[in-house]
């Protein structure tokens, strides 16, 4: 896995920027109820500092 920034272009209908919150043993974000059943793409905008290199 790389920690380098990249540029991604994708057609979309709406963009929401949120912060991931802890949810048990994973993380999650709340999105509008109208998005239920829709396809979404999640982009990591901040680097993961403690990522172990392989």
Protein backbone atom coordinates (compact mmCIF):
# COMPACT_ATOMS: atom_id res chain seq x y z
CA UNK A 1 0.00 0.00 0.00
CA UNK A 2 1.30 3.45 -0.84
CA UNK A 3 1.11 6.62 1.23
CA UNK A 4 1.67 8.91 -1.76
CA UNK A 5 -1.02 11.35 -2.80
CA UNK A 6 -2.82 10.76 -6.11
CA UNK A 7 -5.35 12.61 -8.24
CA UNK A 8 -8.59 10.83 -9.09
CA UNK A 9 -11.30 11.98 -11.47
CA UNK A 10 -14.73 10.40 -11.31
CA UNK A 11 -18.16 11.52 -12.46
CA UNK A 12 -20.45 12.17 -9.48
CA UNK A 13 -23.78 13.71 -8.55
CA UNK A 14 -22.83 15.03 -5.12
CA UNK A 15 -19.81 15.24 -2.83
CA UNK A 16 -19.88 15.15 0.98
CA UNK A 17 -16.70 15.40 3.06
CA UNK A 18 -16.91 13.80 6.49
CA UNK A 19 -14.57 12.51 9.20
CA UNK A 20 -14.58 8.76 9.87
CA UNK A 21 -15.75 7.90 13.40
CA UNK A 22 -15.07 4.72 15.36
CA UNK A 23 -17.80 2.09 15.07
CA UNK A 24 -16.91 -0.93 17.22
CA UNK A 25 -13.83 -2.54 15.66
CA UNK A 26 -14.00 -0.50 12.42
CA UNK A 27 -14.79 3.01 11.22
CA UNK A 28 -17.75 4.54 9.46
CA UNK A 29 -19.47 7.69 8.23
CA UNK A 30 -23.14 8.63 8.25
CA UNK A 31 -24.59 9.59 4.86
CA UNK A 32 -28.02 10.91 3.84
CA UNK A 33 -30.86 8.39 3.93
CA UNK A 34 -31.46 9.09 0.23
CA UNK A 35 -28.08 7.48 -0.51
CA UNK A 36 -29.15 4.07 0.86
CA UNK A 37 -28.84 1.47 -1.89
CA UNK A 38 -26.69 3.77 -4.06
CA UNK A 39 -23.10 3.14 -5.11
CA UNK A 40 -20.49 5.36 -3.44
CA UNK A 41 -16.70 5.71 -3.56
CA UNK A 42 -14.71 6.46 -0.43
CA UNK A 43 -11.45 8.43 -0.80
CA UNK A 44 -8.83 8.70 1.94
CA UNK A 45 -7.88 12.41 2.00
CA UNK A 46 -5.32 12.33 4.85
CA UNK A 47 -2.23 10.09 4.94
CA UNK A 48 -2.03 7.25 7.46
CA UNK A 49 1.08 8.12 9.44
CA UNK A 50 1.54 4.83 11.32
CA UNK A 51 1.27 2.60 8.22
CA UNK A 52 3.87 -0.17 8.25
CA UNK A 53 5.92 -0.43 5.02
CA UNK A 54 6.32 -3.84 3.38
